[in-house]
Structure formats: structure tokens, C-alpha cells
Amino acid sequence: MARPVHIACLQTRPVGTMAGAIDEAMPMASEAASAGAKMLFLPEYCGGLRSEGARLNPPSEPEELHPVLSAFQDFARSRSVWVSIGSIAIDGPDGKIMNRGFMIATDGTIFGRYDKIHLFDVDLAEGAVYRESDTVRPGCEAVLHDTPLARVGHTICYDLRFPGLYRSLAQAGAEILACPAAFTKMTGEAHWHVLCRARAIENTCYMVSPCAVGPIPGGGHSYGHSLVVGPWGDVLADGRTSPGPVHAELDLDEVRATSRRIPSLTHDRAFTVTTSRARSLA
């Protein structure tokens, strides 16, 4: 028996202010809800994102005062939809911020939170050096949102490169693995599709990956191509390079059916690593 869930990724453009971020996302949210979506997924730093060179500077507020979070709590309540805030910047300890995602319930309450675990510290090329850990404090807990519609594992952007996180979420019962992102254009063109498909295939789950699209105020470019991938690895929706809602109908029974076909989540085995070295022939 099918368990259909109509979801939508909101492929927003990076905007430098919180007010601008609300103006960018709200029309898409209204359009998606009017079209029947019951769960909306927003990208990483959907509450505002700007840069100074390769350093990202999302505007932050304490959680209880964040206008983007409050706006989407009101929206979820008024439209009776679930809203996954991919992440917004929340004031944290020691002068740093938390790259924090939220799941908002249909009554507007905060159902769950997730702080990004893996931080984007990379040297992509000359002039493209990112040190997210300079300004962000990492999280230390994987989070599964056990909602009435679906069990959603919440990850964020660079987490996508760490398959153990997704394995743990899938083995804990996730049906949807969400990876909201602001992937760079360079890394997106090289790796986005293959990584999203791999995480879906190896965990026999849906991957729902909303990604910001277009230039980042101050420099840089986000890739777009918000993806919905089925548990068999088929791409069900691709937002390509235009802003707007990206819709998909998920049949959550397909997660169980696929895991019966390839029950790899139950086949993990403990192992050790040994190193073979050539003996000196001298």
C-alpha cells in the first residue's frame, strides 16, 4: 500500500539580509503549499548569506529572536505544513555561531534541531580557501525527526561527504535523508549529483537535497540543482539553475521495498584494517 508524501524543495537565491531572505523564500513557500506540498525543505543558510572573499558571513541572531525562524513558524501554522529550515545562523558560545537546522511542525512549534557536524575547511583553488570552523562551532549529535509524515534524517551541506553519518541515520530508521546545502558551483559541478545519488543508493532511502542557487552577495556562487533522489538512485526532480519550488511525490513504502531487495543496511560487519608492507630485498 502506497504511502505518498508530496514534498517541495525551495530553491532560493542567497540573500545578504534576513529581511531579504524572508522576501525570497515566502512566495515560493506559498506557491508550494498551494500546490499541495505537505513538507517544505529549504537550503542551508536560508536565513541570509553573504561573503567576504571566501569567508561566509551569514547574519545571526539568538534563536528566540531570529526573524526567519519566526516567520516560518507562523507560515507552518497558518498553512498546516511541515517546514524543514535547512539551516540558519544562530548565535553560539565563544563568539561563534551555530549552523543550525530546524524542523517546524504544522502547529508552528519547533519539532527538532540539528547543528552541522562537519565544517567546510577546504582549499579548493587559489583564492578559494574556506574555513567554516573559524566562525562556526560544530555540532556533535546526529538527528532524526520522527514526524507523522516521514522519518527525516537532518544533515547539512559538507556532511554529504561523510557516508557514516547517513548510514547511522538510515539504520536508525530514516526514510528521507535531507541534505540542505549552499554547495559551491565548483564542487557542485564535480560531485553534487553523484554524492546525492550514492547516499540514496547505499542507504535505500530518499535523498532530499535543497540547494541555494546563484551568486552570493560579496562573492562566490551556489550551485542550485536541488535534488530529490529515490531509494533506487533515480533522480525524481532536479531544480537546475532557476529559483523556485521543486516538487516531488514520494512513496515511502518504496524505502521498505528497496531495502527488501537489497538489505545492505543489515549486512554491515565489523572489521579491522591491516597494512601489508614489502620486505626489504637488500
Protein backbone atom coordinates (compact mmCIF):
# COMPACT_ATOMS: atom_id res chain seq x y z
CA MET A 1 0.00 0.00 0.00
CA ALA A 2 1.48 3.32 -1.07
CA ARG A 3 2.44 5.96 1.49
CA PRO A 4 2.57 9.07 -0.69
CA VAL A 5 4.01 12.33 0.61
CA HIS A 6 4.08 15.47 -1.53
CA ILE A 7 7.24 17.45 -0.73
CA ALA A 8 8.89 20.53 -2.22
CA CYS A 9 12.40 21.92 -2.11
CA LEU A 10 12.51 25.73 -2.12
CA GLN A 11 15.46 26.61 -4.35
CA THR A 12 16.18 30.10 -3.07
CA ARG A 13 18.90 32.54 -4.06
CA PRO A 14 21.48 33.61 -1.46
CA VAL A 15 20.42 36.95 0.01
CA GLY A 16 22.57 39.06 2.30
CA THR A 17 19.93 40.10 4.85
CA MET A 18 17.31 38.32 6.91
CA ALA A 19 14.52 40.52 5.61
CA GLY A 20 15.63 39.81 2.06
CA ALA A 21 15.79 36.09 2.80
CA ILE A 22 12.18 36.12 4.01
CA ASP A 23 11.09 38.03 0.89
CA GLU A 24 12.92 35.49 -1.27
CA ALA A 25 11.53 32.34 0.33
CA MET A 26 7.97 33.18 1.34
CA PRO A 27 6.45 33.43 -2.15
CA MET A 28 7.98 30.03 -3.01
CA ALA A 29 6.62 28.54 0.21
CA SER A 30 3.14 29.87 -0.53
CA GLU A 31 3.28 28.54 -4.09
CA ALA A 32 4.44 25.12 -2.91
CA ALA A 33 1.80 24.84 -0.19
CA SER A 34 -0.93 25.95 -2.60
CA ALA A 35 0.20 23.21 -4.99
CA GLY A 36 -0.31 20.61 -2.27
CA ALA A 37 3.13 20.14 -0.71
CA LYS A 38 2.88 18.92 2.88
CA MET A 39 6.57 19.22 3.78
CA LEU A 40 8.84 22.02 2.58
CA PHE A 41 12.65 21.85 2.56
CA LEU A 42 14.81 25.00 2.49
CA PRO A 43 18.57 25.24 1.79
CA GLU A 44 21.49 25.82 4.10
CA TYR A 45 21.76 29.40 5.39
CA CYS A 46 18.32 30.22 4.02
CA GLY A 47 18.13 32.97 6.63
CA GLY A 48 20.75 35.08 4.85
CA LEU A 49 24.21 34.54 3.39
CA ARG A 50 26.96 36.87 2.25
CA SER A 51 30.72 36.57 1.86
CA GLU A 52 33.96 38.45 2.20
CA GLY A 53 36.25 36.75 -0.27
CA ALA A 54 35.88 33.06 0.52
CA ARG A 55 34.69 33.68 4.09
CA LEU A 56 30.96 33.21 4.59
CA ASN A 57 29.21 35.62 6.93
CA PRO A 58 25.60 34.63 7.48
CA PRO A 59 23.69 37.13 9.62
CA SER A 60 22.89 35.64 13.03
CA GLU A 61 20.54 36.20 15.96
CA PRO A 62 19.70 34.31 19.14
CA GLU A 63 17.27 31.52 18.31
CA GLU A 64 14.35 33.11 20.15
CA LEU A 65 14.78 36.37 18.23
CA HIS A 66 15.55 35.08 14.73
CA PRO A 67 13.05 36.66 12.32
CA VAL A 68 13.38 33.97 9.63
CA LEU A 69 12.66 31.18 12.09
CA SER A 70 9.68 33.11 13.49
CA ALA A 71 8.34 33.83 10.01
CA PHE A 72 8.37 30.17 9.05
CA GLN A 73 6.84 29.12 12.35
CA ASP A 74 3.94 31.45 11.54
CA PHE A 75 3.79 30.12 7.98
CA ALA A 76 3.74 26.46 9.08
CA ARG A 77 0.93 27.23 11.50
CA SER A 78 -1.14 29.22 9.00
CA ARG A 79 -0.79 26.69 6.16
CA SER A 80 -0.64 23.50 8.26
CA VAL A 81 2.56 22.26 6.63
CA TRP A 82 5.84 20.87 7.93
CA VAL A 83 8.86 23.09 7.23
CA SER A 84 12.48 21.94 7.29
CA ILE A 85 14.66 25.01 7.76
CA GLY A 86 17.86 23.70 6.17
CA SER A 87 19.91 25.96 8.39
CA ILE A 88 20.18 29.48 9.71
CA ALA A 89 22.97 31.12 11.71
CA ILE A 90 22.27 31.15 15.44
CA ASP A 91 24.41 32.97 18.00
CA GLY A 92 26.60 30.43 19.76
CA PRO A 93 29.23 30.34 22.50
CA ASP A 94 32.71 31.85 22.39
CA GLY A 95 31.78 34.43 19.76
CA LYS A 96 30.98 31.76 17.17
CA ILE A 97 27.71 30.80 15.53
CA MET A 98 25.83 27.52 15.17
CA ASN A 99 24.94 26.41 11.64
CA ARG A 100 21.58 25.09 12.86
CA GLY A 101 18.71 23.42 11.05
CA PHE A 102 15.15 23.12 12.33
CA MET A 103 12.09 21.00 11.71
CA ILE A 104 8.91 23.00 12.29
CA ALA A 105 5.61 21.22 12.93
CA THR A 106 2.21 22.11 11.50
CA ASP A 107 1.30 24.00 14.68
CA GLY A 108 4.38 26.22 14.35
CA THR A 109 6.35 24.65 17.17
CA ILE A 110 9.98 23.60 16.81
CA PHE A 111 9.90 19.81 16.44
CA GLY A 112 13.67 19.31 16.28
CA ARG A 113 17.07 20.94 15.81
CA TYR A 114 20.32 19.85 14.17
CA ASP A 115 23.73 21.56 14.39
CA LYS A 116 26.01 20.87 11.42
CA ILE A 117 28.66 18.36 12.41
CA HIS A 118 31.21 18.54 9.57
CA LEU A 119 32.57 22.01 8.82
CA PHE A 120 33.76 23.17 5.40
CA ASP A 121 37.52 23.71 5.84
CA VAL A 122 38.97 23.26 2.35
CA ASP A 123 41.45 24.68 -0.16
CA LEU A 124 39.66 24.39 -3.49
CA ALA A 125 41.97 26.51 -5.60
CA GLU A 126 43.96 29.73 -5.48
CA GLY A 127 41.70 32.34 -3.87
CA ALA A 128 39.07 29.76 -2.83
CA VAL A 129 40.02 28.84 0.71
CA TYR A 130 37.15 28.17 3.12
CA ARG A 131 37.48 27.89 6.90
CA GLU A 132 33.99 27.42 8.29
CA SER A 133 35.45 26.39 11.64
CA ASP A 134 36.83 29.92 12.11
CA THR A 135 33.30 31.20 12.72
CA VAL A 136 31.12 28.13 13.36
CA ARG A 137 31.04 25.75 16.30
CA PRO A 138 30.36 22.16 15.13
CA GLY A 139 27.55 20.00 16.42
CA CYS A 140 28.09 16.53 17.84
CA GLU A 141 24.70 14.77 17.54
CA ALA A 142 23.01 13.19 14.54
CA VAL A 143 19.30 14.00 14.45
CA LEU A 144 16.32 12.03 13.17
CA HIS A 145 12.98 13.91 13.00
CA ASP A 146 10.31 11.24 13.57
CA THR A 147 7.37 13.20 12.12
CA PRO A 148 3.90 11.77 11.39
CA LEU A 149 4.60 12.10 7.64
CA ALA A 150 8.08 10.58 7.48
CA ARG A 151 11.22 9.91 9.47
CA VAL A 152 13.69 12.53 8.28
CA GLY A 153 17.44 12.46 8.92
CA HIS A 154 18.77 16.03 9.00
CA THR A 155 22.25 16.77 7.65
CA ILE A 156 23.78 19.92 6.16
CA CYS A 157 25.93 20.51 3.05
CA TYR A 158 29.52 19.30 3.73
CA ASP A 159 28.06 16.43 5.77
CA LEU A 160 27.27 14.88 2.38
CA ARG A 161 30.90 13.71 2.09
CA PHE A 162 30.72 11.62 5.28
CA PRO A 163 28.73 8.47 4.49
CA GLY A 164 28.91 7.11 8.03
CA LEU A 165 26.53 9.83 9.21
CA TYR A 166 23.91 8.79 6.65
CA ARG A 167 24.42 5.12 7.43
CA SER A 168 23.71 5.77 11.09
CA LEU A 169 20.57 7.75 10.30
CA ALA A 170 19.29 5.10 7.89
CA GLN A 171 19.94 2.30 10.36
CA ALA A 172 18.07 4.36 12.97
CA GLY A 173 15.02 4.32 10.70
CA ALA A 174 15.31 7.33 8.40
CA GLU A 175 13.12 7.18 5.30
CA ILE A 176 14.22 10.57 3.96
CA LEU A 177 17.81 11.79 4.23
CA ALA A 178 17.80 15.58 3.89
CA CYS A 179 20.91 17.50 2.86
CA PRO A 180 20.16 21.23 2.59
CA ALA A 181 23.15 22.96 1.08
CA ALA A 182 24.78 26.02 -0.38
CA PHE A 183 27.24 23.91 -2.41
CA THR A 184 29.80 25.91 -4.36
CA LYS A 185 29.45 25.90 -8.11
CA MET A 186 32.89 24.27 -8.49
CA THR A 187 32.24 21.36 -6.16
CA GLY A 188 28.63 21.07 -7.24
CA GLU A 189 29.51 20.56 -10.90
CA ALA A 190 32.01 17.87 -9.93
CA HIS A 191 30.33 15.98 -7.10
CA TRP A 192 26.78 17.03 -6.17
CA HIS A 193 24.75 14.60 -8.25
CA VAL A 194 26.97 11.58 -7.70
CA LEU A 195 27.17 12.09 -3.94
CA CYS A 196 23.41 12.60 -3.53
CA ARG A 197 22.69 9.51 -5.62
CA ALA A 198 25.29 7.47 -3.74
CA ARG A 199 23.83 8.37 -0.33
CA ALA A 200 20.37 7.31 -1.56
CA ILE A 201 21.56 4.05 -3.13
CA GLU A 202 23.78 2.83 -0.31
CA ASN A 203 21.11 3.55 2.33
CA THR A 204 18.00 2.61 0.27
CA CYS A 205 16.39 5.92 1.31
CA TYR A 206 15.10 9.03 -0.39
CA MET A 207 17.58 11.90 -0.61
CA VAL A 208 16.01 15.36 -0.49
CA SER A 209 18.68 17.98 -1.11
CA PRO A 210 17.56 21.61 -1.46
CA CYS A 211 20.46 23.78 -2.62
CA ALA A 212 20.69 27.55 -2.93
CA VAL A 213 21.27 28.86 -6.44
CA GLY A 214 23.11 31.84 -7.89
CA PRO A 215 25.67 34.46 -6.86
CA ILE A 216 26.41 35.00 -3.18
CA PRO A 217 26.46 38.69 -2.18
CA GLY A 218 30.11 39.66 -1.77
CA GLY A 219 31.49 36.84 -3.92
CA GLY A 220 31.08 33.19 -4.74
CA HIS A 221 28.31 31.23 -6.43
CA SER A 222 25.98 28.49 -5.16
CA TYR A 223 25.24 25.58 -7.44
CA GLY A 224 21.49 25.02 -7.33
CA HIS A 225 20.25 21.72 -8.77
CA SER A 226 18.10 20.91 -5.75
CA LEU A 227 17.66 17.16 -6.00
CA VAL A 228 15.15 14.53 -4.99
CA VAL A 229 16.58 11.03 -5.46
CA GLY A 230 14.68 7.77 -4.99
CA PRO A 231 15.94 4.80 -2.95
CA TRP A 232 17.00 3.01 -6.15
CA GLY A 233 19.12 6.02 -7.16
CA ASP A 234 16.80 7.52 -9.77
CA VAL A 235 16.63 11.34 -9.90
CA LEU A 236 12.98 12.26 -9.40
CA ALA A 237 13.45 16.05 -9.55
CA ASP A 238 16.26 18.47 -10.37
CA GLY A 239 15.84 22.21 -9.78
CA ARG A 240 18.63 23.03 -12.25
CA THR A 241 19.62 26.71 -12.14
CA SER A 242 16.38 28.64 -11.69
CA PRO A 243 14.96 29.71 -8.33
CA GLY A 244 11.58 28.30 -7.33
CA PRO A 245 9.88 25.33 -5.72
CA VAL A 246 10.92 21.84 -6.83
CA HIS A 247 8.12 19.29 -6.29
CA ALA A 248 8.19 15.52 -5.89
CA GLU A 249 5.79 12.82 -4.77
CA LEU A 250 7.50 10.29 -2.52
CA ASP A 251 6.11 6.83 -1.87
CA LEU A 252 7.66 5.93 1.45
CA ASP A 253 6.74 2.27 1.01
CA GLU A 254 9.45 2.24 -1.67
CA VAL A 255 12.04 2.60 1.09
CA ARG A 256 10.97 -0.68 2.67
CA ALA A 257 10.54 -2.39 -0.70
CA THR A 258 14.03 -1.36 -1.85
CA SER A 259 15.63 -2.45 1.42
CA ARG A 260 14.00 -5.86 0.99
CA ARG A 261 15.53 -6.14 -2.49
CA ILE A 262 18.98 -5.12 -1.26
CA PRO A 263 19.09 -5.43 2.54
CA SER A 264 22.57 -3.94 2.85
CA LEU A 265 21.65 -1.94 5.96
CA THR A 266 21.58 -5.23 7.85
CA HIS A 267 24.79 -6.59 6.35
CA ASP A 268 27.41 -4.37 7.99
CA ARG A 269 30.22 -6.40 9.54
CA ALA A 270 32.95 -5.39 11.94
CA PHE A 271 36.46 -5.46 10.52
CA THR A 272 39.98 -4.31 11.18
CA VAL A 273 42.48 -2.69 8.83
CA THR A 274 45.91 -4.21 8.35
CA THR A 275 48.78 -2.89 6.28
CA SER A 276 50.93 -5.10 4.08
CA ARG A 277 54.46 -3.87 3.51
CA ALA A 278 57.12 -5.17 1.14
CA ARG A 279 60.12 -6.70 2.85
CA SER A 280 63.50 -5.24 2.02
CA LEU A 281 65.25 -7.35 -0.60
CA ALA A 282 68.68 -5.87 0.16
